[in-house]
Amino acid sequence: MIIVAATDFSTRSHRALRQAGLLARSRRAELHLVHVVDEDQPADLVRMEEREAQRVLVEQIGSMPELHDARCYPTVVKGHPFDGILRAAAAVGQISS
């Protein structure tokens, strides 16, 4: 089983990641944490936001007890949030099949 959980690093997203982690652990599923960076800004800013988002995702994986012992994979994509989440989910389905 594969679970994809998107985050915008808000408090609400933080709670959703915790729930996704509990579900992934109980089902022994892969958990792909996805954050989308808006690419409609200067390229340097996009690259900086991508690096920072990757760092935060890795930090969340290490600091949330609900994500311990879960197979977590941080993913940062560029684009519009809805489209980026769908593309990330489709890529995970193709890679893991």
C-alpha atoms as a PDB file:
ATOM      1  CA  MET A   1       0.000   0.000   0.000  1.00  0.00           C
ATOM      2  CA  ILE A   2       1.136   3.535  -0.785  1.00  0.00           C
ATOM      3  CA  ILE A   3      -0.095   6.645   1.000  1.00  0.00           C
ATOM      4  CA  VAL A   4       0.531  10.150  -0.330  1.00  0.00           C
ATOM      5  CA  ALA A   5       0.120  13.011   2.138  1.00  0.00           C
ATOM      6  CA  ALA A   6       0.522  16.599   1.009  1.00  0.00           C
ATOM      7  CA  THR A   7       1.605  19.386   3.326  1.00  0.00           C
ATOM      8  CA  ASP A   8       1.826  23.154   3.203  1.00  0.00           C
ATOM      9  CA  PHE A   9       3.566  23.099   6.626  1.00  0.00           C
ATOM     10  CA  SER A  10       0.502  24.554   8.362  1.00  0.00           C
ATOM     11  CA  THR A  11      -0.754  23.324  11.739  1.00  0.00           C
ATOM     12  CA  ARG A  12      -3.624  21.531  10.005  1.00  0.00           C
ATOM     13  CA  SER A  13      -1.185  19.790   7.631  1.00  0.00           C
ATOM     14  CA  HIS A  14       0.983  18.827  10.591  1.00  0.00           C
ATOM     15  CA  ARG A  15      -1.984  17.005  12.151  1.00  0.00           C
ATOM     16  CA  ALA A  16      -2.770  15.331   8.827  1.00  0.00           C
ATOM     17  CA  LEU A  17       0.828  14.062   8.539  1.00  0.00           C
ATOM     18  CA  ARG A  18       0.571  12.579  12.026  1.00  0.00           C
ATOM     19  CA  GLN A  19      -2.594  10.718  11.042  1.00  0.00           C
ATOM     20  CA  ALA A  20      -1.014   9.568   7.773  1.00  0.00           C
ATOM     21  CA  GLY A  21       1.987   8.294   9.745  1.00  0.00           C
ATOM     22  CA  LEU A  22      -0.205   6.285  12.100  1.00  0.00           C
ATOM     23  CA  LEU A  23      -2.075   4.798   9.152  1.00  0.00           C
ATOM     24  CA  ALA A  24       1.145   3.992   7.280  1.00  0.00           C
ATOM     25  CA  ARG A  25       2.629   2.259  10.335  1.00  0.00           C
ATOM     26  CA  SER A  26      -0.500   0.219  11.028  1.00  0.00           C
ATOM     27  CA  ARG A  27      -0.752  -0.877   7.368  1.00  0.00           C
ATOM     28  CA  ARG A  28       3.017  -1.190   6.828  1.00  0.00           C
ATOM     29  CA  ALA A  29       2.572   1.158   3.894  1.00  0.00           C
ATOM     30  CA  GLU A  30       4.939   3.542   2.169  1.00  0.00           C
ATOM     31  CA  LEU A  31       4.255   7.155   3.104  1.00  0.00           C
ATOM     32  CA  HIS A  32       5.185   9.809   0.570  1.00  0.00           C
ATOM     33  CA  LEU A  33       5.163  13.319   2.022  1.00  0.00           C
ATOM     34  CA  VAL A  34       4.640  15.900  -0.713  1.00  0.00           C
ATOM     35  CA  HIS A  35       5.133  19.657  -0.679  1.00  0.00           C
ATOM     36  CA  VAL A  36       4.533  21.815  -3.748  1.00  0.00           C
ATOM     37  CA  VAL A  37       6.580  24.958  -4.386  1.00  0.00           C
ATOM     38  CA  ASP A  38       4.900  27.630  -6.497  1.00  0.00           C
ATOM     39  CA  GLU A  39       7.018  27.999  -9.624  1.00  0.00           C
ATOM     40  CA  ASP A  40       5.453  31.344 -10.547  1.00  0.00           C
ATOM     41  CA  GLN A  41       8.299  33.327  -8.983  1.00  0.00           C
ATOM     42  CA  PRO A  42      11.987  33.993  -9.727  1.00  0.00           C
ATOM     43  CA  ALA A  43      14.035  30.835 -10.344  1.00  0.00           C
ATOM     44  CA  ASP A  44      16.466  31.568  -7.501  1.00  0.00           C
ATOM     45  CA  LEU A  45      13.590  31.848  -5.056  1.00  0.00           C
ATOM     46  CA  VAL A  46      12.048  28.603  -6.339  1.00  0.00           C
ATOM     47  CA  ARG A  47      15.355  26.744  -5.828  1.00  0.00           C
ATOM     48  CA  MET A  48      15.718  28.185  -2.332  1.00  0.00           C
ATOM     49  CA  GLU A  49      12.160  27.183  -1.417  1.00  0.00           C
ATOM     50  CA  GLU A  50      12.720  23.676  -2.813  1.00  0.00           C
ATOM     51  CA  ARG A  51      15.812  23.194  -0.646  1.00  0.00           C
ATOM     52  CA  GLU A  52      14.086  24.574   2.434  1.00  0.00           C
ATOM     53  CA  ALA A  53      10.984  22.446   1.882  1.00  0.00           C
ATOM     54  CA  GLN A  54      13.108  19.309   1.512  1.00  0.00           C
ATOM     55  CA  ARG A  55      14.917  20.177   4.755  1.00  0.00           C
ATOM     56  CA  VAL A  56      11.648  20.727   6.617  1.00  0.00           C
ATOM     57  CA  LEU A  57      10.149  17.452   5.344  1.00  0.00           C
ATOM     58  CA  VAL A  58      13.207  15.494   6.477  1.00  0.00           C
ATOM     59  CA  GLU A  59      13.099  17.301   9.827  1.00  0.00           C
ATOM     60  CA  GLN A  60       9.411  16.433  10.259  1.00  0.00           C
ATOM     61  CA  ILE A  61      10.088  12.780   9.517  1.00  0.00           C
ATOM     62  CA  GLY A  62      12.747  12.737  12.201  1.00  0.00           C
ATOM     63  CA  SER A  63      10.789  14.649  14.822  1.00  0.00           C
ATOM     64  CA  MET A  64       7.255  13.242  14.593  1.00  0.00           C
ATOM     65  CA  PRO A  65       6.847  10.105  16.701  1.00  0.00           C
ATOM     66  CA  GLU A  66       3.998   9.003  14.423  1.00  0.00           C
ATOM     67  CA  LEU A  67       6.430   8.837  11.495  1.00  0.00           C
ATOM     68  CA  HIS A  68       9.025   6.726  13.281  1.00  0.00           C
ATOM     69  CA  ASP A  69       9.105   3.157  11.994  1.00  0.00           C
ATOM     70  CA  ALA A  70       7.169   4.229   8.899  1.00  0.00           C
ATOM     71  CA  ARG A  71       8.733   4.076   5.457  1.00  0.00           C
ATOM     72  CA  CYS A  72       8.662   7.813   4.685  1.00  0.00           C
ATOM     73  CA  TYR A  73       9.802   9.489   1.496  1.00  0.00           C
ATOM     74  CA  PRO A  74       9.949  13.290   1.261  1.00  0.00           C
ATOM     75  CA  THR A  75       9.087  14.772  -2.134  1.00  0.00           C
ATOM     76  CA  VAL A  76       9.164  18.393  -3.265  1.00  0.00           C
ATOM     77  CA  VAL A  77       7.661  19.316  -6.636  1.00  0.00           C
ATOM     78  CA  LYS A  78       7.205  22.604  -8.476  1.00  0.00           C
ATOM     79  CA  GLY A  79       3.911  23.876  -9.817  1.00  0.00           C
ATOM     80  CA  HIS A  80       0.358  24.689  -8.782  1.00  0.00           C
ATOM     81  CA  PRO A  81      -0.508  22.830  -5.558  1.00  0.00           C
ATOM     82  CA  PHE A  82      -3.374  20.713  -6.903  1.00  0.00           C
ATOM     83  CA  ASP A  83      -1.559  19.769 -10.093  1.00  0.00           C
ATOM     84  CA  GLY A  84       1.710  19.147  -8.243  1.00  0.00           C
ATOM     85  CA  ILE A  85       0.079  16.794  -5.752  1.00  0.00           C
ATOM     86  CA  LEU A  86      -1.574  14.808  -8.543  1.00  0.00           C
ATOM     87  CA  ARG A  87       1.695  14.582 -10.497  1.00  0.00           C
ATOM     88  CA  ALA A  88       3.581  13.430  -7.387  1.00  0.00           C
ATOM     89  CA  ALA A  89       0.944  10.796  -6.638  1.00  0.00           C
ATOM     90  CA  ALA A  90       1.041   9.539 -10.231  1.00  0.00           C
ATOM     91  CA  ALA A  91       4.848   9.348 -10.149  1.00  0.00           C
ATOM     92  CA  VAL A  92       4.771   7.377  -6.903  1.00  0.00           C
ATOM     93  CA  GLY A  93       2.298   4.919  -8.431  1.00  0.00           C
ATOM     94  CA  GLN A  94       4.529   4.389 -11.465  1.00  0.00           C
ATOM     95  CA  ILE A  95       7.726   4.018  -9.456  1.00  0.00           C
ATOM     96  CA  SER A  96       6.317   1.637  -6.867  1.00  0.00           C
ATOM     97  CA  SER A  97       4.443  -0.642  -9.280  1.00  0.00           C
END
